[in-house]
């Protein structure tokens, strides 16, 4: 469940995940840095904001950030029916995210 203004779409680029209760590790700085990487890679980027009035899972991002003291951004590709037998994702999103990761490792 997402905020209607932040609806991820398939084949429209990777998604930056954020949550007001810090279920995801993304903050303003890490989000901006990832957006810059996407821009350099020529890849569109989307934002996913989980509704704060609903329960949700978390990622390893907050644990990683806390234990290692590093900036963290929770990103991934949009997907329909995650963890179901009919899970579906866009193939162009995979190619886009690989381009962003290449940009990161070439830039770092």
PDB file of N, CA and C in Angstrom:
ATOM      1  N   UNK A   1       0.859  -1.171   0.000  1.00  0.00           N
ATOM      2  CA  UNK A   1       0.000   0.000   0.000  1.00  0.00           C
ATOM      3  C   UNK A   1       0.900   1.227   0.000  1.00  0.00           C
ATOM      4  N   UNK A   2       0.610   2.138  -0.856  1.00  0.00           N
ATOM      5  CA  UNK A   2       1.449   3.316  -1.035  1.00  0.00           C
ATOM      6  C   UNK A   2       0.597   4.576  -0.962  1.00  0.00           C
ATOM      7  N   UNK A   3       1.258   5.692  -0.818  1.00  0.00           N
ATOM      8  CA  UNK A   3       0.608   6.985  -0.928  1.00  0.00           C
ATOM      9  C   UNK A   3       0.274   7.181  -2.400  1.00  0.00           C
ATOM     10  N   UNK A   4      -0.932   7.618  -2.707  1.00  0.00           N
ATOM     11  CA  UNK A   4      -1.369   7.749  -4.104  1.00  0.00           C
ATOM     12  C   UNK A   4      -0.463   8.646  -4.944  1.00  0.00           C
ATOM     13  N   UNK A   5       0.218   9.586  -4.314  1.00  0.00           N
ATOM     14  CA  UNK A   5       1.102  10.485  -5.063  1.00  0.00           C
ATOM     15  C   UNK A   5       2.465   9.861  -5.336  1.00  0.00           C
ATOM     16  N   UNK A   6       2.694   8.677  -4.802  1.00  0.00           N
ATOM     17  CA  UNK A   6       3.984   8.004  -4.958  1.00  0.00           C
ATOM     18  C   UNK A   6       3.775   6.557  -5.377  1.00  0.00           C
ATOM     19  N   UNK A   7       3.093   6.363  -6.480  1.00  0.00           N
ATOM     20  CA  UNK A   7       2.763   5.027  -6.964  1.00  0.00           C
ATOM     21  C   UNK A   7       3.838   4.539  -7.932  1.00  0.00           C
ATOM     22  N   UNK A   8       4.610   3.515  -7.555  1.00  0.00           N
ATOM     23  CA  UNK A   8       5.621   2.996  -8.476  1.00  0.00           C
ATOM     24  C   UNK A   8       4.987   2.294  -9.672  1.00  0.00           C
ATOM     25  N   UNK A   9       5.575   2.481 -10.836  1.00  0.00           N
ATOM     26  CA  UNK A   9       5.075   1.873 -12.071  1.00  0.00           C
ATOM     27  C   UNK A   9       6.163   1.004 -12.694  1.00  0.00           C
ATOM     28  N   UNK A  10       5.751  -0.090 -13.312  1.00  0.00           N
ATOM     29  CA  UNK A  10       6.706  -0.988 -13.958  1.00  0.00           C
ATOM     30  C   UNK A  10       7.349  -0.321 -15.173  1.00  0.00           C
ATOM     31  N   UNK A  11       8.611  -0.625 -15.392  1.00  0.00           N
ATOM     32  CA  UNK A  11       9.389  -0.123 -16.536  1.00  0.00           C
ATOM     33  C   UNK A  11       9.516   1.394 -16.579  1.00  0.00           C
ATOM     34  N   UNK A  12       9.481   2.020 -15.406  1.00  0.00           N
ATOM     35  CA  UNK A  12       9.664   3.474 -15.317  1.00  0.00           C
ATOM     36  C   UNK A  12      10.876   3.844 -14.466  1.00  0.00           C
ATOM     37  N   UNK A  13      11.735   2.855 -14.196  1.00  0.00           N
ATOM     38  CA  UNK A  13      12.953   3.125 -13.449  1.00  0.00           C
ATOM     39  C   UNK A  13      12.917   2.620 -12.022  1.00  0.00           C
ATOM     40  N   UNK A  14      14.100   2.615 -11.379  1.00  0.00           N
ATOM     41  CA  UNK A  14      14.197   2.144 -10.001  1.00  0.00           C
ATOM     42  C   UNK A  14      13.431   3.048  -9.044  1.00  0.00           C
ATOM     43  N   UNK A  15      13.176   2.510  -7.857  1.00  0.00           N
ATOM     44  CA  UNK A  15      12.354   3.195  -6.857  1.00  0.00           C
ATOM     45  C   UNK A  15      13.169   3.438  -5.589  1.00  0.00           C
ATOM     46  N   UNK A  16      13.085   4.649  -5.077  1.00  0.00           N
ATOM     47  CA  UNK A  16      13.652   4.987  -3.772  1.00  0.00           C
ATOM     48  C   UNK A  16      12.534   4.816  -2.752  1.00  0.00           C
ATOM     49  N   UNK A  17      12.777   3.982  -1.730  1.00  0.00           N
ATOM     50  CA  UNK A  17      11.760   3.704  -0.721  1.00  0.00           C
ATOM     51  C   UNK A  17      12.019   4.537   0.527  1.00  0.00           C
ATOM     52  N   UNK A  18      10.947   5.161   1.050  1.00  0.00           N
ATOM     53  CA  UNK A  18      11.090   5.901   2.305  1.00  0.00           C
ATOM     54  C   UNK A  18       9.850   5.704   3.170  1.00  0.00           C
ATOM     55  N   UNK A  19      10.042   5.941   4.471  1.00  0.00           N
ATOM     56  CA  UNK A  19       8.974   5.738   5.448  1.00  0.00           C
ATOM     57  C   UNK A  19       9.202   6.708   6.601  1.00  0.00           C
ATOM     58  N   UNK A  20       8.146   7.389   7.030  1.00  0.00           N
ATOM     59  CA  UNK A  20       8.273   8.376   8.104  1.00  0.00           C
ATOM     60  C   UNK A  20       8.764   7.747   9.404  1.00  0.00           C
ATOM     61  N   UNK A  21       8.425   6.482   9.635  1.00  0.00           N
ATOM     62  CA  UNK A  21       8.842   5.785  10.849  1.00  0.00           C
ATOM     63  C   UNK A  21      10.188   5.093  10.727  1.00  0.00           C
ATOM     64  N   UNK A  22      10.938   5.391   9.669  1.00  0.00           N
ATOM     65  CA  UNK A  22      12.276   4.840   9.432  1.00  0.00           C
ATOM     66  C   UNK A  22      12.306   3.320   9.280  1.00  0.00           C
ATOM     67  N   UNK A  23      11.253   2.747   8.692  1.00  0.00           N
ATOM     68  CA  UNK A  23      11.273   1.317   8.361  1.00  0.00           C
ATOM     69  C   UNK A  23      12.257   1.065   7.222  1.00  0.00           C
ATOM     70  N   UNK A  24      12.522   2.111   6.446  1.00  0.00           N
ATOM     71  CA  UNK A  24      13.540   2.061   5.405  1.00  0.00           C
ATOM     72  C   UNK A  24      14.620   3.050   5.808  1.00  0.00           C
ATOM     73  N   UNK A  25      15.847   2.830   5.367  1.00  0.00           N
ATOM     74  CA  UNK A  25      16.985   3.628   5.833  1.00  0.00           C
ATOM     75  C   UNK A  25      17.200   4.917   5.048  1.00  0.00           C
ATOM     76  N   UNK A  26      16.437   5.140   4.026  1.00  0.00           N
ATOM     77  CA  UNK A  26      16.610   6.310   3.168  1.00  0.00           C
ATOM     78  C   UNK A  26      16.427   7.607   3.952  1.00  0.00           C
ATOM     79  N   UNK A  27      17.327   8.549   3.728  1.00  0.00           N
ATOM     80  CA  UNK A  27      17.142   9.901   4.253  1.00  0.00           C
ATOM     81  C   UNK A  27      17.302  10.884   3.093  1.00  0.00           C
ATOM     82  N   UNK A  28      17.196  12.151   3.369  1.00  0.00           N
ATOM     83  CA  UNK A  28      17.255  13.150   2.306  1.00  0.00           C
ATOM     84  C   UNK A  28      18.561  13.137   1.528  1.00  0.00           C
ATOM     85  N   UNK A  29      19.670  12.973   2.231  1.00  0.00           N
ATOM     86  CA  UNK A  29      20.980  12.986   1.581  1.00  0.00           C
ATOM     87  C   UNK A  29      21.172  11.747   0.711  1.00  0.00           C
ATOM     88  N   UNK A  30      20.858  10.576   1.261  1.00  0.00           N
ATOM     89  CA  UNK A  30      21.063   9.349   0.469  1.00  0.00           C
ATOM     90  C   UNK A  30      20.126   9.308  -0.732  1.00  0.00           C
ATOM     91  N   UNK A  31      18.920   9.831  -0.560  1.00  0.00           N
ATOM     92  CA  UNK A  31      17.975   9.894  -1.679  1.00  0.00           C
ATOM     93  C   UNK A  31      18.508  10.815  -2.778  1.00  0.00           C
ATOM     94  N   UNK A  32      19.011  11.977  -2.384  1.00  0.00           N
ATOM     95  CA  UNK A  32      19.543  12.935  -3.360  1.00  0.00           C
ATOM     96  C   UNK A  32      20.751  12.363  -4.098  1.00  0.00           C
ATOM     97  N   UNK A  33      21.608  11.646  -3.390  1.00  0.00           N
ATOM     98  CA  UNK A  33      22.782  11.044  -4.035  1.00  0.00           C
ATOM     99  C   UNK A  33      22.374   9.978  -5.043  1.00  0.00           C
ATOM    100  N   UNK A  34      21.365   9.178  -4.683  1.00  0.00           N
ATOM    101  CA  UNK A  34      20.907   8.154  -5.616  1.00  0.00           C
ATOM    102  C   UNK A  34      20.258   8.803  -6.839  1.00  0.00           C
ATOM    103  N   UNK A  35      19.485   9.864  -6.619  1.00  0.00           N
ATOM    104  CA  UNK A  35      18.871  10.567  -7.751  1.00  0.00           C
ATOM    105  C   UNK A  35      19.942  11.120  -8.689  1.00  0.00           C
ATOM    106  N   UNK A  36      21.032  11.622  -8.137  1.00  0.00           N
ATOM    107  CA  UNK A  36      22.133  12.134  -8.958  1.00  0.00           C
ATOM    108  C   UNK A  36      22.775  11.007  -9.773  1.00  0.00           C
ATOM    109  N   UNK A  37      22.961   9.843  -9.149  1.00  0.00           N
ATOM    110  CA  UNK A  37      23.493   8.691  -9.887  1.00  0.00           C
ATOM    111  C   UNK A  37      22.575   8.320 -11.044  1.00  0.00           C
ATOM    112  N   UNK A  38      21.269   8.317 -10.786  1.00  0.00           N
ATOM    113  CA  UNK A  38      20.302   7.996 -11.842  1.00  0.00           C
ATOM    114  C   UNK A  38      20.397   9.003 -12.979  1.00  0.00           C
ATOM    115  N   UNK A  39      20.525  10.273 -12.617  1.00  0.00           N
ATOM    116  CA  UNK A  39      20.646  11.318 -13.641  1.00  0.00           C
ATOM    117  C   UNK A  39      21.900  11.093 -14.485  1.00  0.00           C
ATOM    118  N   UNK A  40      23.008  10.802 -13.836  1.00  0.00           N
ATOM    119  CA  UNK A  40      24.264  10.556 -14.562  1.00  0.00           C
ATOM    120  C   UNK A  40      24.179   9.327 -15.458  1.00  0.00           C
ATOM    121  N   UNK A  41      23.390   8.336 -15.026  1.00  0.00           N
ATOM    122  CA  UNK A  41      23.233   7.108 -15.815  1.00  0.00           C
ATOM    123  C   UNK A  41      22.150   7.250 -16.877  1.00  0.00           C
ATOM    124  N   UNK A  42      21.433   8.380 -16.880  1.00  0.00           N
ATOM    125  CA  UNK A  42      20.354   8.581 -17.846  1.00  0.00           C
ATOM    126  C   UNK A  42      19.145   7.702 -17.580  1.00  0.00           C
ATOM    127  N   UNK A  43      18.877   7.464 -16.294  1.00  0.00           N
ATOM    128  CA  UNK A  43      17.803   6.558 -15.888  1.00  0.00           C
ATOM    129  C   UNK A  43      16.755   7.334 -15.092  1.00  0.00           C
ATOM    130  N   UNK A  44      15.469   7.162 -15.404  1.00  0.00           N
ATOM    131  CA  UNK A  44      14.435   7.812 -14.593  1.00  0.00           C
ATOM    132  C   UNK A  44      14.373   7.157 -13.213  1.00  0.00           C
ATOM    133  N   UNK A  45      13.952   7.909 -12.223  1.00  0.00           N
ATOM    134  CA  UNK A  45      13.851   7.380 -10.861  1.00  0.00           C
ATOM    135  C   UNK A  45      12.458   7.678 -10.306  1.00  0.00           C
ATOM    136  N   UNK A  46      11.950   6.776  -9.490  1.00  0.00           N
ATOM    137  CA  UNK A  46      10.636   6.939  -8.871  1.00  0.00           C
ATOM    138  C   UNK A  46      10.804   6.940  -7.355  1.00  0.00           C
ATOM    139  N   UNK A  47       9.772   7.416  -6.658  1.00  0.00           N
ATOM    140  CA  UNK A  47       9.788   7.412  -5.195  1.00  0.00           C
ATOM    141  C   UNK A  47       8.568   6.672  -4.673  1.00  0.00           C
ATOM    142  N   UNK A  48       8.812   5.856  -3.655  1.00  0.00           N
ATOM    143  CA  UNK A  48       7.755   5.113  -2.981  1.00  0.00           C
ATOM    144  C   UNK A  48       7.735   5.575  -1.534  1.00  0.00           C
ATOM    145  N   UNK A  49       6.591   6.081  -1.092  1.00  0.00           N
ATOM    146  CA  UNK A  49       6.439   6.505   0.296  1.00  0.00           C
ATOM    147  C   UNK A  49       5.333   5.664   0.910  1.00  0.00           C
ATOM    148  N   UNK A  50       5.704   4.823   1.860  1.00  0.00           N
ATOM    149  CA  UNK A  50       4.725   3.981   2.532  1.00  0.00           C
ATOM    150  C   UNK A  50       3.852   4.842   3.425  1.00  0.00           C
ATOM    151  N   UNK A  51       2.568   4.556   3.414  1.00  0.00           N
ATOM    152  CA  UNK A  51       1.650   5.289   4.289  1.00  0.00           C
ATOM    153  C   UNK A  51       2.020   5.033   5.743  1.00  0.00           C
ATOM    154  N   UNK A  52       2.101   6.086   6.528  1.00  0.00           N
ATOM    155  CA  UNK A  52       2.529   5.945   7.921  1.00  0.00           C
ATOM    156  C   UNK A  52       1.430   5.415   8.837  1.00  0.00           C
ATOM    157  N   UNK A  53       0.185   5.391   8.348  1.00  0.00           N
ATOM    158  CA  UNK A  53      -0.907   4.892   9.187  1.00  0.00           C
ATOM    159  C   UNK A  53      -1.141   3.393   9.018  1.00  0.00           C
ATOM    160  N   UNK A  54      -0.330   2.735   8.201  1.00  0.00           N
ATOM    161  CA  UNK A  54      -0.456   1.294   7.974  1.00  0.00           C
ATOM    162  C   UNK A  54       0.842   0.584   8.350  1.00  0.00           C
ATOM    163  N   UNK A  55       0.699  -0.648   8.816  1.00  0.00           N
ATOM    164  CA  UNK A  55       1.872  -1.446   9.163  1.00  0.00           C
ATOM    165  C   UNK A  55       2.597  -1.878   7.889  1.00  0.00           C
ATOM    166  N   UNK A  56       3.900  -2.040   7.999  1.00  0.00           N
ATOM    167  CA  UNK A  56       4.680  -2.529   6.860  1.00  0.00           C
ATOM    168  C   UNK A  56       5.915  -3.243   7.374  1.00  0.00           C
ATOM    169  N   UNK A  57       6.540  -3.975   6.501  1.00  0.00           N
ATOM    170  CA  UNK A  57       7.792  -4.638   6.839  1.00  0.00           C
ATOM    171  C   UNK A  57       8.933  -3.646   6.785  1.00  0.00           C
ATOM    172  N   UNK A  58      10.117  -4.154   6.917  1.00  0.00           N
ATOM    173  CA  UNK A  58      11.297  -3.312   6.862  1.00  0.00           C
ATOM    174  C   UNK A  58      12.318  -3.975   5.937  1.00  0.00           C
ATOM    175  N   UNK A  59      13.491  -3.396   5.857  1.00  0.00           N
ATOM    176  CA  UNK A  59      14.586  -3.967   5.073  1.00  0.00           C
ATOM    177  C   UNK A  59      15.807  -4.065   5.985  1.00  0.00           C
ATOM    178  N   UNK A  60      16.906  -4.563   5.451  1.00  0.00           N
ATOM    179  CA  UNK A  60      18.138  -4.596   6.240  1.00  0.00           C
ATOM    180  C   UNK A  60      18.808  -3.227   6.282  1.00  0.00           C
ATOM    181  N   UNK A  61      18.259  -2.265   5.557  1.00  0.00           N
ATOM    182  CA  UNK A  61      18.846  -0.927   5.492  1.00  0.00           C
ATOM    183  C   UNK A  61      19.039  -0.258   6.835  1.00  0.00           C
ATOM    184  N   UNK A  62      17.991  -0.155   7.679  1.00  0.00           N
ATOM    185  CA  UNK A  62      18.173   0.505   8.970  1.00  0.00           C
ATOM    186  C   UNK A  62      19.203  -0.198   9.866  1.00  0.00           C
ATOM    187  N   UNK A  63      19.249  -1.521   9.828  1.00  0.00           N
ATOM    188  CA  UNK A  63      20.218  -2.270  10.632  1.00  0.00           C
ATOM    189  C   UNK A  63      21.634  -2.007  10.118  1.00  0.00           C
ATOM    190  N   UNK A  64      21.791  -2.032   8.801  1.00  0.00           N
ATOM    191  CA  UNK A  64      23.096  -1.767   8.193  1.00  0.00           C
ATOM    192  C   UNK A  64      23.583  -0.369   8.542  1.00  0.00           C
ATOM    193  N   UNK A  65      22.707   0.606   8.401  1.00  0.00           N
ATOM    194  CA  UNK A  65      23.077   1.991   8.689  1.00  0.00           C
ATOM    195  C   UNK A  65      23.472   2.158  10.155  1.00  0.00           C
ATOM    196  N   UNK A  66      22.710   1.539  11.059  1.00  0.00           N
ATOM    197  CA  UNK A  66      22.991   1.672  12.487  1.00  0.00           C
ATOM    198  C   UNK A  66      24.279   0.950  12.886  1.00  0.00           C
ATOM    199  N   UNK A  67      24.472  -0.255  12.393  1.00  0.00           N
ATOM    200  CA  UNK A  67      25.634  -1.050  12.807  1.00  0.00           C
ATOM    201  C   UNK A  67      26.936  -0.627  12.143  1.00  0.00           C
ATOM    202  N   UNK A  68      26.864  -0.162  10.918  1.00  0.00           N
ATOM    203  CA  UNK A  68      28.082   0.212  10.201  1.00  0.00           C
ATOM    204  C   UNK A  68      28.327   1.714  10.169  1.00  0.00           C
ATOM    205  N   UNK A  69      27.311   2.494  10.520  1.00  0.00           N
ATOM    206  CA  UNK A  69      27.461   3.943  10.510  1.00  0.00           C
ATOM    207  C   UNK A  69      27.642   4.524   9.119  1.00  0.00           C
ATOM    208  N   UNK A  70      26.989   3.925   8.136  1.00  0.00           N
ATOM    209  CA  UNK A  70      27.121   4.405   6.756  1.00  0.00           C
ATOM    210  C   UNK A  70      25.792   4.945   6.252  1.00  0.00           C
ATOM    211  N   UNK A  71      25.863   5.860   5.310  1.00  0.00           N
ATOM    212  CA  UNK A  71      24.655   6.349   4.647  1.00  0.00           C
ATOM    213  C   UNK A  71      24.049   5.219   3.858  1.00  0.00           C
ATOM    214  N   UNK A  72      22.744   5.109   3.921  1.00  0.00           N
ATOM    215  CA  UNK A  72      22.054   4.010   3.255  1.00  0.00           C
ATOM    216  C   UNK A  72      20.835   4.534   2.524  1.00  0.00           C
ATOM    217  N   UNK A  73      20.590   3.969   1.359  1.00  0.00           N
ATOM    218  CA  UNK A  73      19.371   4.281   0.613  1.00  0.00           C
ATOM    219  C   UNK A  73      18.720   2.954   0.242  1.00  0.00           C
ATOM    220  N   UNK A  74      17.442   2.828   0.538  1.00  0.00           N
ATOM    221  CA  UNK A  74      16.699   1.620   0.167  1.00  0.00           C
ATOM    222  C   UNK A  74      16.120   1.826  -1.226  1.00  0.00           C
ATOM    223  N   UNK A  75      16.611   1.056  -2.167  1.00  0.00           N
ATOM    224  CA  UNK A  75      16.149   1.151  -3.552  1.00  0.00           C
ATOM    225  C   UNK A  75      15.857  -0.241  -4.101  1.00  0.00           C
ATOM    226  N   UNK A  76      15.117  -0.258  -5.168  1.00  0.00           N
ATOM    227  CA  UNK A  76      14.823  -1.514  -5.848  1.00  0.00           C
ATOM    228  C   UNK A  76      13.967  -1.246  -7.060  1.00  0.00           C
ATOM    229  N   UNK A  77      13.577  -2.312  -7.704  1.00  0.00           N
ATOM    230  CA  UNK A  77      12.703  -2.184  -8.865  1.00  0.00           C
ATOM    231  C   UNK A  77      11.258  -2.408  -8.452  1.00  0.00           C
ATOM    232  N   UNK A  78      10.330  -1.678  -9.077  1.00  0.00           N
ATOM    233  CA  UNK A  78       8.919  -1.875  -8.748  1.00  0.00           C
ATOM    234  C   UNK A  78       8.470  -3.279  -9.131  1.00  0.00           C
ATOM    235  N   UNK A  79       7.535  -3.795  -8.365  1.00  0.00           N
ATOM    236  CA  UNK A  79       7.086  -5.165  -8.578  1.00  0.00           C
ATOM    237  C   UNK A  79       5.623  -5.288  -8.159  1.00  0.00           C
ATOM    238  N   UNK A  80       4.898  -6.101  -8.881  1.00  0.00           N
ATOM    239  CA  UNK A  80       3.512  -6.405  -8.517  1.00  0.00           C
ATOM    240  C   UNK A  80       3.469  -7.771  -7.849  1.00  0.00           C
ATOM    241  N   UNK A  81       2.705  -7.884  -6.797  1.00  0.00           N
ATOM    242  CA  UNK A  81       2.472  -9.163  -6.102  1.00  0.00           C
ATOM    243  C   UNK A  81       3.759  -9.802  -5.603  1.00  0.00           C
ATOM    244  N   UNK A  82       4.602  -9.000  -4.973  1.00  0.00           N
ATOM    245  CA  UNK A  82       5.863  -9.523  -4.458  1.00  0.00           C
ATOM    246  C   UNK A  82       5.627 -10.706  -3.520  1.00  0.00           C
ATOM    247  N   UNK A  83       6.442 -11.715  -3.656  1.00  0.00           N
ATOM    248  CA  UNK A  83       6.416 -12.949  -2.869  1.00  0.00           C
ATOM    249  C   UNK A  83       5.259 -13.880  -3.218  1.00  0.00           C
ATOM    250  N   UNK A  84       4.505 -13.583  -4.247  1.00  0.00           N
ATOM    251  CA  UNK A  84       3.433 -14.492  -4.660  1.00  0.00           C
ATOM    252  C   UNK A  84       3.913 -15.332  -5.847  1.00  0.00           C
ATOM    253  N   UNK A  85       3.136 -16.332  -6.221  1.00  0.00           N
ATOM    254  CA  UNK A  85       3.530 -17.149  -7.371  1.00  0.00           C
ATOM    255  C   UNK A  85       3.353 -16.398  -8.680  1.00  0.00           C
ATOM    256  N   UNK A  86       2.675 -15.257  -8.643  1.00  0.00           N
ATOM    257  CA  UNK A  86       2.464 -14.454  -9.846  1.00  0.00           C
ATOM    258  C   UNK A  86       3.219 -13.124  -9.787  1.00  0.00           C
ATOM    259  N   UNK A  87       4.314 -13.124  -9.058  1.00  0.00           N
ATOM    260  CA  UNK A  87       5.153 -11.938  -8.944  1.00  0.00           C
ATOM    261  C   UNK A  87       5.555 -11.452 -10.341  1.00  0.00           C
ATOM    262  N   UNK A  88       5.509 -10.142 -10.548  1.00  0.00           N
ATOM    263  CA  UNK A  88       5.807  -9.605 -11.877  1.00  0.00           C
ATOM    264  C   UNK A  88       6.614  -8.312 -11.755  1.00  0.00           C
ATOM    265  N   UNK A  89       7.630  -8.185 -12.605  1.00  0.00           N
ATOM    266  CA  UNK A  89       8.457  -6.985 -12.648  1.00  0.00           C
ATOM    267  C   UNK A  89       8.755  -6.645 -14.098  1.00  0.00           C
ATOM    268  N   UNK A  90       9.167  -5.411 -14.331  1.00  0.00           N
ATOM    269  CA  UNK A  90       9.485  -4.972 -15.687  1.00  0.00           C
ATOM    270  C   UNK A  90      10.937  -5.253 -16.042  1.00  0.00           C
ATOM    271  N   UNK A  91      11.186  -5.830 -17.192  1.00  0.00           N
ATOM    272  CA  UNK A  91      12.560  -6.160 -17.605  1.00  0.00           C
ATOM    273  C   UNK A  91      13.398  -4.899 -17.836  1.00  0.00           C
ATOM    274  N   UNK A  92      12.781  -3.821 -18.280  1.00  0.00           N
ATOM    275  CA  UNK A  92      13.540  -2.582 -18.504  1.00  0.00           C
ATOM    276  C   UNK A  92      14.044  -1.988 -17.192  1.00  0.00           C
ATOM    277  N   UNK A  93      13.290  -2.234 -16.099  1.00  0.00           N
ATOM    278  CA  UNK A  93      13.736  -1.728 -14.796  1.00  0.00           C
ATOM    279  C   UNK A  93      15.036  -2.392 -14.369  1.00  0.00           C
ATOM    280  N   UNK A  94      15.171  -3.670 -14.649  1.00  0.00           N
ATOM    281  CA  UNK A  94      16.410  -4.385 -14.305  1.00  0.00           C
ATOM    282  C   UNK A  94      17.596  -3.761 -15.047  1.00  0.00           C
ATOM    283  N   UNK A  95      17.430  -3.536 -16.322  1.00  0.00           N
ATOM    284  CA  UNK A  95      18.498  -2.927 -17.128  1.00  0.00           C
ATOM    285  C   UNK A  95      18.837  -1.542 -16.583  1.00  0.00           C
ATOM    286  N   UNK A  96      17.819  -0.775 -16.223  1.00  0.00           N
ATOM    287  CA  UNK A  96      18.044   0.573 -15.689  1.00  0.00           C
ATOM    288  C   UNK A  96      18.823   0.542 -14.382  1.00  0.00           C
ATOM    289  N   UNK A  97      18.448  -0.357 -13.478  1.00  0.00           N
ATOM    290  CA  UNK A  97      19.132  -0.413 -12.184  1.00  0.00           C
ATOM    291  C   UNK A  97      20.579  -0.882 -12.342  1.00  0.00           C
ATOM    292  N   UNK A  98      20.835  -1.777 -13.261  1.00  0.00           N
ATOM    293  CA  UNK A  98      22.219  -2.194 -13.540  1.00  0.00           C
ATOM    294  C   UNK A  98      23.032  -0.990 -14.019  1.00  0.00           C
ATOM    295  N   UNK A  99      22.445  -0.144 -14.850  1.00  0.00           N
ATOM    296  CA  UNK A  99      23.145   1.058 -15.324  1.00  0.00           C
ATOM    297  C   UNK A  99      23.489   1.987 -14.157  1.00  0.00           C
ATOM    298  N   UNK A 100      22.558   2.126 -13.212  1.00  0.00           N
ATOM    299  CA  UNK A 100      22.810   2.980 -12.045  1.00  0.00           C
ATOM    300  C   UNK A 100      23.928   2.389 -11.185  1.00  0.00           C
ATOM    301  N   UNK A 101      23.893   1.079 -10.952  1.00  0.00           N
ATOM    302  CA  UNK A 101      24.946   0.449 -10.159  1.00  0.00           C
ATOM    303  C   UNK A 101      26.306   0.573 -10.842  1.00  0.00           C
ATOM    304  N   UNK A 102      26.340   0.444 -12.155  1.00  0.00           N
ATOM    305  CA  UNK A 102      27.602   0.641 -12.882  1.00  0.00           C
ATOM    306  C   UNK A 102      28.119   2.060 -12.680  1.00  0.00           C
ATOM    307  N   UNK A 103      27.220   3.015 -12.751  1.00  0.00           N
ATOM    308  CA  UNK A 103      27.599   4.415 -12.529  1.00  0.00           C
ATOM    309  C   UNK A 103      28.175   4.588 -11.123  1.00  0.00           C
ATOM    310  N   UNK A 104      27.546   3.971 -10.143  1.00  0.00           N
ATOM    311  CA  UNK A 104      28.022   4.060  -8.761  1.00  0.00           C
ATOM    312  C   UNK A 104      29.440   3.505  -8.630  1.00  0.00           C
ATOM    313  N   UNK A 105      29.669   2.314  -9.144  1.00  0.00           N
ATOM    314  CA  UNK A 105      30.983   1.691  -8.985  1.00  0.00           C
ATOM    315  C   UNK A 105      32.055   2.353  -9.846  1.00  0.00           C
ATOM    316  N   UNK A 106      31.688   2.943 -10.959  1.00  0.00           N
ATOM    317  CA  UNK A 106      32.650   3.684 -11.773  1.00  0.00           C
ATOM    318  C   UNK A 106      32.968   5.039 -11.159  1.00  0.00           C
ATOM    319  N   UNK A 107      31.989   5.633 -10.467  1.00  0.00           N
ATOM    320  CA  UNK A 107      32.139   6.962  -9.883  1.00  0.00           C
ATOM    321  C   UNK A 107      32.879   6.907  -8.551  1.00  0.00           C
ATOM    322  N   UNK A 108      32.672   5.827  -7.808  1.00  0.00           N
ATOM    323  CA  UNK A 108      33.221   5.740  -6.437  1.00  0.00           C
ATOM    324  C   UNK A 108      34.691   5.619  -6.423  1.00  0.00           C
TER     325      UNK A 108
END
